[in-house]
């Protein structure tokens, strides 16, 4: 099939040529170009060239001849690539010839100075109630395993055999062999030893990594091994009940138990925190602080993963989030439009599908919009709320028209806060006046992080003293072992991101963030 042929050509399999899939006119253009060389190809935003388009560029370069030079430009670091992507990258660009870290560009005056800040919040009352209930299920199982010692082979007896006896096929292995063969289980076991649950096995040594409370991953490893080695093989009713309890608890820790062992999954608690309605309230607090500092100069964007939730969460999660579009641009926009800041900020929402604002700001926007558009601009209530309106204007009205228009509206001060999605405003959006980014997204890849924060770093000719503030909003649930998942996501966001810390020293990692 055509799809199979294309995949083979993209992978560079023998006998396949991606250029053969071009339209005849395209192939003719390549032939004529090859006869006109030598060529220098300049590829901007070249981090996008890791899949089909990159394979096509590679085929084009080969067709143009050995004298062809390729110059790749990108502000996104070369990380997190698969082996095939790395091979394609190296074929096209080879090693990096010249790299300048962002702080150095700031020092040269080509980008605005910036600082990274973090806002920590907890779940809402409804969300926290659900999380506490999930924590209670796990705590009850822990109590039963560690204190009540139920089952035909209680958990602690099984763990003693695994850590102390260490017999396999009648032969006792050394602690070193166990630790080398099953490092995760050994680490989890020694963390329980450090907590006083067991005695230290002969040959084992407590290191710094073991002087921590057993986390979700530790418990998942122990429960999976216990279930696989004993509970699954037992026919006793008490063991069957324990097995079902283990299966029921593991999803809240971010894992599921399959016939092949543990499989990572998104924990419902992680999802609650990542999409917490509390983040919308946090964005309001952040902009309140920025407004006090910047006043009329404030130009902010609040970035969300999506406009509105489409997939329905499980029934138990719906009880925690209700009918609110948790984690969405709509929720954040409604929160901001209903806050005490609304009259000053005059917030708008801009996504790939919708543009919305307060009804009382509509007249000023009509006066700002081009005459041909203002005459046919229609307003409908947003989700039944007559105080908020979505705008439509018939043929031609879409993101390509309203995004630049609302960008100019922000630059002119018609609004001081835009709520949008990272799909539309996270890369390629150019607004030099922007000086505050509030990141509510769950994106943690180096590409996404670099692009999101790059929105605020443009030099503003009208404000030469501009300093950009990039906020990361994090929701943490202290009462659950997976309640730190959103914080750990924030840690990953800043791992390879350079920024000045509180003392002015440029460093990577979340340590450069201020609260």
Foldseek 3Di string as FASTA:
>chain_A
DVVVLLVCLFLVPPPHHNLVPDDPVSVVVLQVLLVVDDEEAEAEQCVVLQGSNLSVVLSSQVSSHPSYHYHYHHPFDPDDDDPSSVVSCCSRPNDDPDDDAPVVCVVVVQWFAAAEAEAEDAFDPLLLVLQLVLLVLVVVLVCCQQPVQDDPQGLVNVLCCVQAVCDDPRDRDANVVSCVVPVLQSLLSLLVCLVVSDPHHPPDDDDPSSVDHRFLSSVLVSLQCCCLVPLVPDPDPRSVVSNVSNQVNNLQSQWHQDPVTIDGHDHPLNVCFLQGLVLLVVVLVVVVVVCVVQPLLFAEEEAFAEAFDDDDDDPSVCSSVPPDRTRHLPSSQVSNCPDPCCVQQQEWEAEQAWTKTFPVLLVVLLVLDPVVQSVQWDWDDDVPHNRMTTIDRPPPDGNVPVVVSVLVCSLVSSGRYYYYYCVNCQAPDERQSHAEYEYSYLDQDSVSLSSNVVRRTGQDPVCNNGYHYYYYYGYANPSHSCRCVRVVSVQSNQQPHWHAAPVRDIDTTPNRHHD
